[in-house]
Amino acid sequence: MIEIKNLSVDLGEFVLRDINLNIEEGDYYIILGPTGAGKTVLLESIAGLHSIKTGEIWLRGTNVTSLEPEKRNIGIVYQDHVLFPHLSVKDNICFGLRMHHMKKEEIEERLNSIVGLLNIEHLLHRKPDTLSGGEKQKVSLARALSTNPEILLVDEPLSALDPESRENVQQELKQLHHKLGITIVHVTHDFEEAISLGTRIAVIGEGQLKQTGTPDEIFRRPNSEFVARFALTRNILKGEVIRETGQDTIFRSEGTDFVVVSEQEGNFTASLRPEDIILSLEPIHSSARNCFQGTITRILDKGSTLYITVNVPPELSSLVTRHSYHEMKLEEGKQVYVTFKASSLNLF
C-alpha cells in the first residue's frame, strides 16, 4: 500500500534520514516518537508536502515521489483542525467535494453518509467557533474523508483535547477504521494512544527510525534503550549475561543474579516492565524464577495506581493498584518481595 524506500528529507535545521517502511492496506499505522523526532515531516512527505532529498515513496505500486499532493488521493487531518471559520460545518465538509465539481445530489449523498458515520448531523448549521475541541476534530475528520481518500493521515489528532473528548475521538477513529477499512497513518507522541489504536507502530527519534513492530513487540520487546524509555518501561538495567552448561542463564546487574531466557552472553541491557513485577510481603511460591527481597525507597502516586520503587539492588519499579497499596500498608523503608518471570526480562 505505502512503501517508503531510503527516504531522506533535508529541511535545513532538521533532517529525516534513511526511512524504510512498509504499510499494508487496511493498517492502522502509528508513527510514534517524542517532540522534534520527525514524525510530522514523515507524514507530510507521504502527502507530498516536502521535497525529497533521496529515496522514494510508492503508493499502491506507483512511484509518487514527485507527484503533486492533490493527485495522491490522500486525506490529512491536523491537530489544530484548520477549519474555515467563516463557513458552516456543512460547507466545511463539502468544500473539497465542490472543488472536485461534483453534482449537488452526489455531494448531499456523500455528506449524509459521512456525517451519519461520525454522528455529527446536529452540527451542520453551526460555525467552527461554536464547537468544542472534540467536535472540531470530528468535523476535520469528516472533511478529510468526504473525498473518499485511499489513505487518511492524522497528525496528533488527540493531543489538544481534554481527557473526555480525547477518549471519544479515539473511539471514533477506531470505529472509522473498522467500518471503512481505510488505511490510516497516525502521528502521536502518546504511547498509550499508540497501543490502543495501532495495528503496527514505527518509533522515530532524532530523525531516524528506531524500531517497527506490533504494539506488543514495541511494548514488551524494545530493541534499544531509546525505545524502552519512550515506552515507559521504567526498569532499564545494565549487566552481563552468563551462560553455564546445565545451569540457568543469568543476567548479573549490580551484584544480583536474575534468571533470564537467552541464547547469547556478554554485556547487555535489560528492560522489565513495572506491571510484570508482583509485589508481596512474603515470598511467592510460583513458576516465576525471580524472587528477591528489597526495601521500598520511593512511592509515586498516579491516582488509581502507584509506582513502588524497591532497592534489591538494583532499584526496580513495580506498578500496584491503590487497593493493594492500602492492603499491604506500603511505605518507604518497608521490606517487601519482588517476583517476576525470567521471560519478562527483555535483553538488547
C-alpha atoms as a PDB file:
ATOM      1  CA  MET A   1       0.000   0.000   0.000  1.00  0.00           C
ATOM      2  CA  ILE A   2       2.624   2.525   1.135  1.00  0.00           C
ATOM      3  CA  GLU A   3       6.270   1.697   0.610  1.00  0.00           C
ATOM      4  CA  ILE A   4       8.940   4.130   1.734  1.00  0.00           C
ATOM      5  CA  LYS A   5      12.451   3.389   0.469  1.00  0.00           C
ATOM      6  CA  ASN A   6      15.585   5.009   1.911  1.00  0.00           C
ATOM      7  CA  LEU A   7      13.740   8.302   2.388  1.00  0.00           C
ATOM      8  CA  SER A   8      15.714  11.381   3.441  1.00  0.00           C
ATOM      9  CA  VAL A   9      14.277  14.896   3.765  1.00  0.00           C
ATOM     10  CA  ASP A  10      16.519  17.904   4.452  1.00  0.00           C
ATOM     11  CA  LEU A  11      14.738  20.945   5.917  1.00  0.00           C
ATOM     12  CA  GLY A  12      17.940  22.745   6.876  1.00  0.00           C
ATOM     13  CA  GLU A  13      17.659  22.717  10.660  1.00  0.00           C
ATOM     14  CA  PHE A  14      16.174  19.212  10.635  1.00  0.00           C
ATOM     15  CA  VAL A  15      16.980  16.115   8.578  1.00  0.00           C
ATOM     16  CA  LEU A  16      14.934  12.928   8.273  1.00  0.00           C
ATOM     17  CA  ARG A  17      17.354  10.106   7.422  1.00  0.00           C
ATOM     18  CA  ASP A  18      17.088   6.739   5.658  1.00  0.00           C
ATOM     19  CA  ILE A  19      13.481   5.837   6.491  1.00  0.00           C
ATOM     20  CA  ASN A  20      12.275   2.451   5.239  1.00  0.00           C
ATOM     21  CA  LEU A  21       8.654   1.486   5.949  1.00  0.00           C
ATOM     22  CA  ASN A  22       6.052  -0.870   4.547  1.00  0.00           C
ATOM     23  CA  ILE A  23       2.455  -0.009   5.437  1.00  0.00           C
ATOM     24  CA  GLU A  24      -0.081  -2.634   4.371  1.00  0.00           C
ATOM     25  CA  GLU A  25      -3.547  -1.865   3.060  1.00  0.00           C
ATOM     26  CA  GLY A  26      -6.007  -1.557   5.930  1.00  0.00           C
ATOM     27  CA  ASP A  27      -3.322  -0.939   8.571  1.00  0.00           C
ATOM     28  CA  TYR A  28      -3.835   1.499  11.411  1.00  0.00           C
ATOM     29  CA  TYR A  29      -0.175   2.515  11.393  1.00  0.00           C
ATOM     30  CA  ILE A  30       1.192   4.645  14.220  1.00  0.00           C
ATOM     31  CA  ILE A  31       4.230   6.915  13.813  1.00  0.00           C
ATOM     32  CA  LEU A  32       5.366   7.307  17.420  1.00  0.00           C
ATOM     33  CA  GLY A  33       8.091   9.479  18.897  1.00  0.00           C
ATOM     34  CA  PRO A  34       8.936  12.482  21.058  1.00  0.00           C
ATOM     35  CA  THR A  35       8.539  16.126  20.026  1.00  0.00           C
ATOM     36  CA  GLY A  36      11.022  17.035  17.298  1.00  0.00           C
ATOM     37  CA  ALA A  37      11.603  13.415  16.243  1.00  0.00           C
ATOM     38  CA  GLY A  38      10.457  13.946  12.632  1.00  0.00           C
ATOM     39  CA  LYS A  39       7.014  12.347  12.777  1.00  0.00           C
ATOM     40  CA  THR A  40       5.128  15.188  11.081  1.00  0.00           C
ATOM     41  CA  VAL A  41       7.869  15.605   8.463  1.00  0.00           C
ATOM     42  CA  LEU A  42       7.428  11.936   7.526  1.00  0.00           C
ATOM     43  CA  LEU A  43       3.637  12.285   7.411  1.00  0.00           C
ATOM     44  CA  GLU A  44       3.808  15.390   5.222  1.00  0.00           C
ATOM     45  CA  SER A  45       6.344  13.711   2.955  1.00  0.00           C
ATOM     46  CA  ILE A  46       3.841  10.902   2.319  1.00  0.00           C
ATOM     47  CA  ALA A  47       1.265  13.605   1.496  1.00  0.00           C
ATOM     48  CA  GLY A  48       3.707  15.254  -0.937  1.00  0.00           C
ATOM     49  CA  LEU A  49       4.235  18.463   1.040  1.00  0.00           C
ATOM     50  CA  HIS A  50       8.055  18.250   1.226  1.00  0.00           C
ATOM     51  CA  SER A  51      10.759  17.904  -1.402  1.00  0.00           C
ATOM     52  CA  ILE A  52      12.552  14.579  -1.124  1.00  0.00           C
ATOM     53  CA  LYS A  53      16.346  14.691  -0.882  1.00  0.00           C
ATOM     54  CA  THR A  54      16.852  10.981  -1.573  1.00  0.00           C
ATOM     55  CA  GLY A  55      14.678   7.895  -1.648  1.00  0.00           C
ATOM     56  CA  GLU A  56      11.225   7.043  -2.959  1.00  0.00           C
ATOM     57  CA  ILE A  57       7.578   6.883  -1.889  1.00  0.00           C
ATOM     58  CA  TRP A  58       5.320   4.300  -3.513  1.00  0.00           C
ATOM     59  CA  LEU A  59       1.521   4.164  -3.201  1.00  0.00           C
ATOM     60  CA  ARG A  60      -0.278   1.050  -4.457  1.00  0.00           C
ATOM     61  CA  GLY A  61       2.725   0.069  -6.574  1.00  0.00           C
ATOM     62  CA  THR A  62       3.145   3.513  -8.170  1.00  0.00           C
ATOM     63  CA  ASN A  63       6.146   5.766  -7.553  1.00  0.00           C
ATOM     64  CA  VAL A  64       4.621   9.064  -6.350  1.00  0.00           C
ATOM     65  CA  THR A  65       7.831  10.702  -5.088  1.00  0.00           C
ATOM     66  CA  SER A  66       7.403  13.648  -7.477  1.00  0.00           C
ATOM     67  CA  LEU A  67       3.596  13.561  -7.780  1.00  0.00           C
ATOM     68  CA  GLU A  68       1.603  16.611  -6.697  1.00  0.00           C
ATOM     69  CA  PRO A  69      -0.275  16.275  -3.363  1.00  0.00           C
ATOM     70  CA  GLU A  70      -3.728  16.677  -4.925  1.00  0.00           C
ATOM     71  CA  LYS A  71      -3.113  13.669  -7.197  1.00  0.00           C
ATOM     72  CA  ARG A  72      -2.253  11.216  -4.408  1.00  0.00           C
ATOM     73  CA  ASN A  73      -5.839  10.663  -3.152  1.00  0.00           C
ATOM     74  CA  ILE A  74      -4.798  11.243   0.450  1.00  0.00           C
ATOM     75  CA  GLY A  75      -6.808  12.919   3.215  1.00  0.00           C
ATOM     76  CA  ILE A  76      -4.977  14.706   6.023  1.00  0.00           C
ATOM     77  CA  VAL A  77      -6.162  15.906   9.446  1.00  0.00           C
ATOM     78  CA  TYR A  78      -4.047  18.194  11.611  1.00  0.00           C
ATOM     79  CA  GLN A  79      -4.024  18.749  15.369  1.00  0.00           C
ATOM     80  CA  ASP A  80      -5.349  22.323  15.046  1.00  0.00           C
ATOM     81  CA  HIS A  81      -8.289  21.356  12.778  1.00  0.00           C
ATOM     82  CA  VAL A  82      -7.661  24.100  10.112  1.00  0.00           C
ATOM     83  CA  LEU A  83     -11.377  24.669   9.547  1.00  0.00           C
ATOM     84  CA  PHE A  84     -12.624  27.677   7.595  1.00  0.00           C
ATOM     85  CA  PRO A  85     -14.068  29.967  10.327  1.00  0.00           C
ATOM     86  CA  HIS A  86     -16.484  31.810   8.016  1.00  0.00           C
ATOM     87  CA  LEU A  87     -18.106  28.595   6.714  1.00  0.00           C
ATOM     88  CA  SER A  88     -20.675  26.386   8.417  1.00  0.00           C
ATOM     89  CA  VAL A  89     -19.819  22.811   9.355  1.00  0.00           C
ATOM     90  CA  LYS A  90     -21.741  21.628   6.292  1.00  0.00           C
ATOM     91  CA  ASP A  91     -19.830  23.927   3.954  1.00  0.00           C
ATOM     92  CA  ASN A  92     -16.505  22.967   5.549  1.00  0.00           C
ATOM     93  CA  ILE A  93     -17.202  19.280   4.912  1.00  0.00           C
ATOM     94  CA  CYS A  94     -18.440  19.891   1.363  1.00  0.00           C
ATOM     95  CA  PHE A  95     -15.606  22.242   0.395  1.00  0.00           C
ATOM     96  CA  GLY A  96     -13.431  19.548  -1.205  1.00  0.00           C
ATOM     97  CA  LEU A  97     -16.392  17.969  -2.999  1.00  0.00           C
ATOM     98  CA  ARG A  98     -17.299  21.279  -4.611  1.00  0.00           C
ATOM     99  CA  MET A  99     -13.690  21.808  -5.625  1.00  0.00           C
ATOM    100  CA  HIS A 100     -13.978  18.478  -7.457  1.00  0.00           C
ATOM    101  CA  HIS A 101     -17.101  19.825  -9.245  1.00  0.00           C
ATOM    102  CA  MET A 102     -19.329  17.034  -8.006  1.00  0.00           C
ATOM    103  CA  LYS A 103     -23.055  17.242  -8.689  1.00  0.00           C
ATOM    104  CA  LYS A 104     -25.301  18.615  -5.938  1.00  0.00           C
ATOM    105  CA  GLU A 105     -27.065  15.261  -5.487  1.00  0.00           C
ATOM    106  CA  GLU A 106     -23.746  13.429  -5.129  1.00  0.00           C
ATOM    107  CA  ILE A 107     -22.493  15.994  -2.613  1.00  0.00           C
ATOM    108  CA  GLU A 108     -25.624  15.584  -0.482  1.00  0.00           C
ATOM    109  CA  GLU A 109     -25.350  11.803  -0.623  1.00  0.00           C
ATOM    110  CA  ARG A 110     -21.671  11.846   0.398  1.00  0.00           C
ATOM    111  CA  LEU A 111     -22.372  14.423   3.127  1.00  0.00           C
ATOM    112  CA  ASN A 112     -25.195  12.386   4.649  1.00  0.00           C
ATOM    113  CA  SER A 113     -23.087   9.263   4.629  1.00  0.00           C
ATOM    114  CA  ILE A 114     -20.073  10.779   6.357  1.00  0.00           C
ATOM    115  CA  VAL A 115     -21.931  12.846   8.993  1.00  0.00           C
ATOM    116  CA  GLY A 116     -24.002   9.765   9.840  1.00  0.00           C
ATOM    117  CA  LEU A 117     -20.821   7.771  10.313  1.00  0.00           C
ATOM    118  CA  LEU A 118     -19.462  10.376  12.742  1.00  0.00           C
ATOM    119  CA  ASN A 119     -22.803  11.261  14.374  1.00  0.00           C
ATOM    120  CA  ILE A 120     -22.477  14.997  13.694  1.00  0.00           C
ATOM    121  CA  GLU A 121     -25.736  15.659  11.800  1.00  0.00           C
ATOM    122  CA  HIS A 122     -26.800  18.104  14.530  1.00  0.00           C
ATOM    123  CA  LEU A 123     -23.703  20.284  13.944  1.00  0.00           C
ATOM    124  CA  LEU A 124     -24.164  21.012  10.222  1.00  0.00           C
ATOM    125  CA  HIS A 125     -25.615  24.514  10.655  1.00  0.00           C
ATOM    126  CA  ARG A 126     -23.017  25.714  13.170  1.00  0.00           C
ATOM    127  CA  LYS A 127     -19.788  27.681  12.708  1.00  0.00           C
ATOM    128  CA  PRO A 128     -16.424  26.265  13.889  1.00  0.00           C
ATOM    129  CA  ASP A 129     -16.001  28.835  16.681  1.00  0.00           C
ATOM    130  CA  THR A 130     -19.130  27.469  18.407  1.00  0.00           C
ATOM    131  CA  LEU A 131     -17.793  23.890  18.544  1.00  0.00           C
ATOM    132  CA  SER A 132     -15.856  22.079  21.257  1.00  0.00           C
ATOM    133  CA  GLY A 133     -12.391  20.712  20.527  1.00  0.00           C
ATOM    134  CA  GLY A 134     -13.739  17.192  20.061  1.00  0.00           C
ATOM    135  CA  GLU A 135     -16.487  18.394  17.716  1.00  0.00           C
ATOM    136  CA  LYS A 136     -13.978  20.351  15.623  1.00  0.00           C
ATOM    137  CA  GLN A 137     -11.811  17.275  15.289  1.00  0.00           C
ATOM    138  CA  LYS A 138     -14.783  15.209  14.116  1.00  0.00           C
ATOM    139  CA  VAL A 139     -15.609  17.859  11.512  1.00  0.00           C
ATOM    140  CA  SER A 140     -11.986  17.810  10.339  1.00  0.00           C
ATOM    141  CA  LEU A 141     -12.196  14.039  10.007  1.00  0.00           C
ATOM    142  CA  ALA A 142     -15.451  14.345   8.062  1.00  0.00           C
ATOM    143  CA  ARG A 143     -13.926  16.888   5.667  1.00  0.00           C
ATOM    144  CA  ALA A 144     -10.863  14.701   5.087  1.00  0.00           C
ATOM    145  CA  LEU A 145     -12.992  11.598   4.484  1.00  0.00           C
ATOM    146  CA  SER A 146     -15.596  13.309   2.292  1.00  0.00           C
ATOM    147  CA  THR A 147     -13.466  12.983  -0.866  1.00  0.00           C
ATOM    148  CA  ASN A 148     -13.159   9.219  -0.284  1.00  0.00           C
ATOM    149  CA  PRO A 149      -9.346   9.078   0.062  1.00  0.00           C
ATOM    150  CA  GLU A 150      -7.460   5.778  -0.120  1.00  0.00           C
ATOM    151  CA  ILE A 151      -5.255   6.853   2.794  1.00  0.00           C
ATOM    152  CA  LEU A 152      -6.031   9.014   5.826  1.00  0.00           C
ATOM    153  CA  LEU A 153      -3.138  10.822   7.528  1.00  0.00           C
ATOM    154  CA  VAL A 154      -3.794  12.205  11.025  1.00  0.00           C
ATOM    155  CA  ASP A 155      -1.263  14.376  12.838  1.00  0.00           C
ATOM    156  CA  GLU A 156      -1.569  14.454  16.674  1.00  0.00           C
ATOM    157  CA  PRO A 157      -5.390  14.492  16.428  1.00  0.00           C
ATOM    158  CA  LEU A 158      -5.990  13.997  20.151  1.00  0.00           C
ATOM    159  CA  SER A 159      -3.226  15.961  21.851  1.00  0.00           C
ATOM    160  CA  ALA A 160      -5.136  19.267  22.178  1.00  0.00           C
ATOM    161  CA  LEU A 161      -8.311  17.679  23.561  1.00  0.00           C
ATOM    162  CA  ASP A 162      -9.498  17.299  27.145  1.00  0.00           C
ATOM    163  CA  PRO A 163      -9.476  13.696  28.507  1.00  0.00           C
ATOM    164  CA  GLU A 164     -13.175  13.003  27.824  1.00  0.00           C
ATOM    165  CA  SER A 165     -13.059  14.402  24.262  1.00  0.00           C
ATOM    166  CA  ARG A 166      -9.794  12.559  23.625  1.00  0.00           C
ATOM    167  CA  GLU A 167     -11.417   9.268  24.577  1.00  0.00           C
ATOM    168  CA  ASN A 168     -14.471   9.971  22.404  1.00  0.00           C
ATOM    169  CA  VAL A 169     -12.475  10.908  19.300  1.00  0.00           C
ATOM    170  CA  GLN A 170     -10.170   7.929  19.854  1.00  0.00           C
ATOM    171  CA  GLN A 171     -13.219   5.658  19.762  1.00  0.00           C
ATOM    172  CA  GLU A 172     -14.454   7.410  16.609  1.00  0.00           C
ATOM    173  CA  LEU A 173     -11.101   6.772  14.910  1.00  0.00           C
ATOM    174  CA  LYS A 174     -11.174   3.117  15.904  1.00  0.00           C
ATOM    175  CA  GLN A 175     -14.735   2.699  14.605  1.00  0.00           C
ATOM    176  CA  LEU A 176     -13.973   4.560  11.360  1.00  0.00           C
ATOM    177  CA  HIS A 177     -11.041   2.264  10.709  1.00  0.00           C
ATOM    178  CA  HIS A 178     -13.192  -0.795  11.395  1.00  0.00           C
ATOM    179  CA  LYS A 179     -16.189   0.340   9.301  1.00  0.00           C
ATOM    180  CA  LEU A 180     -14.333   1.815   6.321  1.00  0.00           C
ATOM    181  CA  GLY A 181     -11.287  -0.456   6.250  1.00  0.00           C
ATOM    182  CA  ILE A 182      -9.279   2.607   5.251  1.00  0.00           C
ATOM    183  CA  THR A 183      -5.504   2.740   5.695  1.00  0.00           C
ATOM    184  CA  ILE A 184      -4.714   5.233   8.470  1.00  0.00           C
ATOM    185  CA  VAL A 185      -1.295   6.668   9.317  1.00  0.00           C
ATOM    186  CA  HIS A 186      -1.467   8.377  12.706  1.00  0.00           C
ATOM    187  CA  VAL A 187       1.265  10.524  14.280  1.00  0.00           C
ATOM    188  CA  THR A 188       1.434  10.763  18.069  1.00  0.00           C
ATOM    189  CA  HIS A 189       3.826  11.133  20.995  1.00  0.00           C
ATOM    190  CA  ASP A 190       1.385   9.365  23.351  1.00  0.00           C
ATOM    191  CA  PHE A 191       2.377   5.736  23.920  1.00  0.00           C
ATOM    192  CA  GLU A 192      -0.980   4.690  25.420  1.00  0.00           C
ATOM    193  CA  GLU A 193      -2.754   6.164  22.386  1.00  0.00           C
ATOM    194  CA  ALA A 194      -0.447   4.187  20.091  1.00  0.00           C
ATOM    195  CA  ILE A 195      -1.093   0.919  21.938  1.00  0.00           C
ATOM    196  CA  SER A 196      -4.864   1.467  21.932  1.00  0.00           C
ATOM    197  CA  LEU A 197      -5.222   2.287  18.224  1.00  0.00           C
ATOM    198  CA  GLY A 198      -2.317   0.862  16.271  1.00  0.00           C
ATOM    199  CA  THR A 199      -2.103  -2.425  14.378  1.00  0.00           C
ATOM    200  CA  ARG A 200       1.576  -1.611  13.784  1.00  0.00           C
ATOM    201  CA  ILE A 201       3.925   1.025  15.190  1.00  0.00           C
ATOM    202  CA  ALA A 202       7.077   2.754  13.958  1.00  0.00           C
ATOM    203  CA  VAL A 203       9.137   4.528  16.622  1.00  0.00           C
ATOM    204  CA  ILE A 204      11.103   7.550  15.377  1.00  0.00           C
ATOM    205  CA  GLY A 205      13.735   9.550  17.232  1.00  0.00           C
ATOM    206  CA  GLU A 206      16.219  12.216  16.143  1.00  0.00           C
ATOM    207  CA  GLY A 207      15.116  11.901  12.513  1.00  0.00           C
ATOM    208  CA  GLN A 208      15.773   8.154  12.372  1.00  0.00           C
ATOM    209  CA  LEU A 209      13.670   5.011  12.502  1.00  0.00           C
ATOM    210  CA  LYS A 210      14.365   3.192  15.793  1.00  0.00           C
ATOM    211  CA  GLN A 211      12.020   0.178  15.680  1.00  0.00           C
ATOM    212  CA  THR A 212       8.939  -1.152  13.884  1.00  0.00           C
ATOM    213  CA  GLY A 213       6.570  -3.889  15.008  1.00  0.00           C
ATOM    214  CA  THR A 214       3.227  -4.757  16.505  1.00  0.00           C
ATOM    215  CA  PRO A 215       2.153  -2.845  19.625  1.00  0.00           C
ATOM    216  CA  ASP A 216       3.052  -5.890  21.742  1.00  0.00           C
ATOM    217  CA  GLU A 217       6.541  -6.117  20.219  1.00  0.00           C
ATOM    218  CA  ILE A 218       7.247  -2.426  20.852  1.00  0.00           C
ATOM    219  CA  PHE A 219       5.679  -2.591  24.319  1.00  0.00           C
ATOM    220  CA  ARG A 220       7.316  -5.791  25.562  1.00  0.00           C
ATOM    221  CA  ARG A 221      10.374  -6.226  23.355  1.00  0.00           C
ATOM    222  CA  PRO A 222      12.001  -2.827  22.774  1.00  0.00           C
ATOM    223  CA  ASN A 223      15.259  -3.143  20.826  1.00  0.00           C
ATOM    224  CA  SER A 224      17.085  -0.189  22.404  1.00  0.00           C
ATOM    225  CA  GLU A 225      17.216   1.983  25.488  1.00  0.00           C
ATOM    226  CA  PHE A 226      15.615   4.821  23.494  1.00  0.00           C
ATOM    227  CA  VAL A 227      12.524   2.737  22.685  1.00  0.00           C
ATOM    228  CA  ALA A 228      12.389   1.212  26.181  1.00  0.00           C
ATOM    229  CA  ARG A 229      12.394   4.629  27.841  1.00  0.00           C
ATOM    230  CA  PHE A 230       9.845   6.041  25.420  1.00  0.00           C
ATOM    231  CA  ALA A 231       7.607   3.022  26.062  1.00  0.00           C
ATOM    232  CA  LEU A 232       7.724   3.890  29.798  1.00  0.00           C
ATOM    233  CA  THR A 233       9.420   0.601  30.662  1.00  0.00           C
ATOM    234  CA  ARG A 234      10.961   2.343  33.727  1.00  0.00           C
ATOM    235  CA  ASN A 235      13.233  -0.589  34.648  1.00  0.00           C
ATOM    236  CA  ILE A 236      16.338  -0.440  32.438  1.00  0.00           C
ATOM    237  CA  LEU A 237      19.301  -2.383  33.812  1.00  0.00           C
ATOM    238  CA  LYS A 238      22.909  -2.693  32.663  1.00  0.00           C
ATOM    239  CA  GLY A 239      24.632  -6.018  33.211  1.00  0.00           C
ATOM    240  CA  GLU A 240      26.183  -9.208  31.894  1.00  0.00           C
ATOM    241  CA  VAL A 241      24.543 -12.381  30.597  1.00  0.00           C
ATOM    242  CA  ILE A 242      26.327 -15.507  31.899  1.00  0.00           C
ATOM    243  CA  ARG A 243      25.633 -18.975  30.488  1.00  0.00           C
ATOM    244  CA  GLU A 244      26.984 -22.175  32.001  1.00  0.00           C
ATOM    245  CA  THR A 245      26.208 -25.711  30.799  1.00  0.00           C
ATOM    246  CA  GLY A 246      23.427 -27.336  32.775  1.00  0.00           C
ATOM    247  CA  GLN A 247      22.595 -24.195  34.743  1.00  0.00           C
ATOM    248  CA  ASP A 248      20.168 -21.287  34.459  1.00  0.00           C
ATOM    249  CA  THR A 249      21.181 -18.407  32.212  1.00  0.00           C
ATOM    250  CA  ILE A 250      21.914 -15.438  34.459  1.00  0.00           C
ATOM    251  CA  PHE A 251      21.760 -11.681  33.956  1.00  0.00           C
ATOM    252  CA  ARG A 252      24.003 -10.126  36.601  1.00  0.00           C
ATOM    253  CA  SER A 253      23.303  -6.477  37.458  1.00  0.00           C
ATOM    254  CA  GLU A 254      24.701  -4.603  40.471  1.00  0.00           C
ATOM    255  CA  GLY A 255      25.651  -7.885  42.114  1.00  0.00           C
ATOM    256  CA  THR A 256      22.245  -9.541  41.761  1.00  0.00           C
ATOM    257  CA  ASP A 257      21.705 -12.589  39.534  1.00  0.00           C
ATOM    258  CA  PHE A 258      18.424 -12.633  37.620  1.00  0.00           C
ATOM    259  CA  VAL A 259      17.291 -15.743  35.727  1.00  0.00           C
ATOM    260  CA  VAL A 260      16.691 -14.863  32.054  1.00  0.00           C
ATOM    261  CA  VAL A 261      15.837 -16.582  28.777  1.00  0.00           C
ATOM    262  CA  SER A 262      18.734 -16.041  26.354  1.00  0.00           C
ATOM    263  CA  GLU A 263      20.954 -17.944  23.920  1.00  0.00           C
ATOM    264  CA  GLN A 264      23.578 -15.198  23.989  1.00  0.00           C
ATOM    265  CA  GLU A 265      26.104 -13.997  26.538  1.00  0.00           C
ATOM    266  CA  GLY A 266      28.142 -10.887  27.248  1.00  0.00           C
ATOM    267  CA  ASN A 267      27.240  -7.283  28.119  1.00  0.00           C
ATOM    268  CA  PHE A 268      23.567  -6.425  27.635  1.00  0.00           C
ATOM    269  CA  THR A 269      20.869  -4.024  28.752  1.00  0.00           C
ATOM    270  CA  ALA A 270      17.647  -5.487  30.173  1.00  0.00           C
ATOM    271  CA  SER A 271      14.203  -3.905  30.247  1.00  0.00           C
ATOM    272  CA  LEU A 272      11.495  -5.014  32.669  1.00  0.00           C
ATOM    273  CA  ARG A 273       8.004  -3.556  32.696  1.00  0.00           C
ATOM    274  CA  PRO A 274       6.699  -2.451  36.134  1.00  0.00           C
ATOM    275  CA  GLU A 275       3.359  -4.229  35.637  1.00  0.00           C
ATOM    276  CA  ASP A 276       5.252  -7.538  35.218  1.00  0.00           C
ATOM    277  CA  ILE A 277       6.612  -7.324  38.777  1.00  0.00           C
ATOM    278  CA  ILE A 278       4.480  -8.752  41.597  1.00  0.00           C
ATOM    279  CA  LEU A 279       4.939  -7.032  44.940  1.00  0.00           C
ATOM    280  CA  SER A 280       4.279  -9.014  48.141  1.00  0.00           C
ATOM    281  CA  LEU A 281       5.023  -9.025  51.866  1.00  0.00           C
ATOM    282  CA  GLU A 282       6.114 -12.698  51.810  1.00  0.00           C
ATOM    283  CA  PRO A 283       7.906 -14.804  49.150  1.00  0.00           C
ATOM    284  CA  ILE A 284       5.505 -16.046  46.465  1.00  0.00           C
ATOM    285  CA  HIS A 285       5.592 -19.729  45.524  1.00  0.00           C
ATOM    286  CA  SER A 286       5.010 -19.760  41.772  1.00  0.00           C
ATOM    287  CA  SER A 287       6.580 -20.673  38.439  1.00  0.00           C
ATOM    288  CA  ALA A 288       8.276 -17.238  38.316  1.00  0.00           C
ATOM    289  CA  ARG A 289      12.045 -17.803  38.581  1.00  0.00           C
ATOM    290  CA  ASN A 290      12.967 -14.449  40.082  1.00  0.00           C
ATOM    291  CA  CYS A 291      12.048 -13.532  43.662  1.00  0.00           C
ATOM    292  CA  PHE A 292      14.056 -11.031  45.728  1.00  0.00           C
ATOM    293  CA  GLN A 293      13.659  -9.125  48.965  1.00  0.00           C
ATOM    294  CA  GLY A 294      14.247  -5.390  48.950  1.00  0.00           C
ATOM    295  CA  THR A 295      13.448  -2.091  50.610  1.00  0.00           C
ATOM    296  CA  ILE A 296      10.908   0.461  49.351  1.00  0.00           C
ATOM    297  CA  THR A 297      12.818   3.659  48.521  1.00  0.00           C
ATOM    298  CA  ARG A 298      10.208   5.720  46.657  1.00  0.00           C
ATOM    299  CA  ILE A 299       6.443   5.837  46.061  1.00  0.00           C
ATOM    300  CA  LEU A 300       4.973   7.684  43.077  1.00  0.00           C
ATOM    301  CA  ASP A 301       1.216   8.250  43.333  1.00  0.00           C
ATOM    302  CA  LYS A 302      -0.596   8.255  39.965  1.00  0.00           C
ATOM    303  CA  GLY A 303      -4.151   8.286  41.308  1.00  0.00           C
ATOM    304  CA  SER A 304      -5.702   4.860  40.698  1.00  0.00           C
ATOM    305  CA  THR A 305      -2.247   3.227  40.564  1.00  0.00           C
ATOM    306  CA  LEU A 306       1.126   3.776  42.225  1.00  0.00           C
ATOM    307  CA  TYR A 307       4.723   3.069  41.219  1.00  0.00           C
ATOM    308  CA  ILE A 308       6.651   1.482  44.088  1.00  0.00           C
ATOM    309  CA  THR A 309      10.460   1.550  43.778  1.00  0.00           C
ATOM    310  CA  VAL A 310      12.242  -1.266  45.607  1.00  0.00           C
ATOM    311  CA  ASN A 311      16.010  -1.416  46.095  1.00  0.00           C
ATOM    312  CA  VAL A 312      17.202  -5.026  45.718  1.00  0.00           C
ATOM    313  CA  PRO A 313      19.744  -3.749  44.378  1.00  0.00           C
ATOM    314  CA  PRO A 314      19.325  -2.658  41.620  1.00  0.00           C
ATOM    315  CA  GLU A 315      16.236  -0.480  42.095  1.00  0.00           C
ATOM    316  CA  LEU A 316      13.103  -1.921  40.488  1.00  0.00           C
ATOM    317  CA  SER A 317       9.812  -0.086  39.929  1.00  0.00           C
ATOM    318  CA  SER A 318       6.584  -2.048  40.338  1.00  0.00           C
ATOM    319  CA  LEU A 319       3.034  -0.991  39.480  1.00  0.00           C
ATOM    320  CA  VAL A 320       0.342  -1.638  42.112  1.00  0.00           C
ATOM    321  CA  THR A 321      -3.319  -0.721  42.467  1.00  0.00           C
ATOM    322  CA  ARG A 322      -4.450   1.652  45.199  1.00  0.00           C
ATOM    323  CA  HIS A 323      -6.291  -1.250  46.825  1.00  0.00           C
ATOM    324  CA  SER A 324      -3.064  -3.320  47.035  1.00  0.00           C
ATOM    325  CA  TYR A 325      -1.158  -0.297  48.296  1.00  0.00           C
ATOM    326  CA  HIS A 326      -3.526   0.155  51.246  1.00  0.00           C
ATOM    327  CA  GLU A 327      -3.963  -3.564  51.889  1.00  0.00           C
ATOM    328  CA  MET A 328      -0.179  -4.133  52.204  1.00  0.00           C
ATOM    329  CA  LYS A 329       0.307  -0.830  54.071  1.00  0.00           C
ATOM    330  CA  LEU A 330       3.218   0.072  51.831  1.00  0.00           C
ATOM    331  CA  GLU A 331       5.558   2.873  52.878  1.00  0.00           C
ATOM    332  CA  GLU A 332       9.140   3.964  52.309  1.00  0.00           C
ATOM    333  CA  GLY A 333      11.623   1.830  54.281  1.00  0.00           C
ATOM    334  CA  LYS A 334       9.359  -1.246  54.378  1.00  0.00           C
ATOM    335  CA  GLN A 335      10.773  -4.670  53.391  1.00  0.00           C
ATOM    336  CA  VAL A 336       8.906  -6.365  50.514  1.00  0.00           C
ATOM    337  CA  TYR A 337       9.455  -9.059  47.882  1.00  0.00           C
ATOM    338  CA  VAL A 338       9.534  -8.544  44.110  1.00  0.00           C
ATOM    339  CA  THR A 339       8.701 -11.510  41.864  1.00  0.00           C
ATOM    340  CA  PHE A 340       8.752 -11.819  38.055  1.00  0.00           C
ATOM    341  CA  LYS A 341       9.208 -14.392  35.307  1.00  0.00           C
ATOM    342  CA  ALA A 342      12.516 -14.995  33.528  1.00  0.00           C
ATOM    343  CA  SER A 343      10.761 -14.233  30.213  1.00  0.00           C
ATOM    344  CA  SER A 344       9.729 -10.779  31.486  1.00  0.00           C
ATOM    345  CA  LEU A 345      13.334  -9.572  31.222  1.00  0.00           C
ATOM    346  CA  ASN A 346      13.919  -8.318  27.664  1.00  0.00           C
ATOM    347  CA  LEU A 347      17.575  -8.168  26.605  1.00  0.00           C
ATOM    348  CA  PHE A 348      19.140  -5.938  23.960  1.00  0.00           C
END
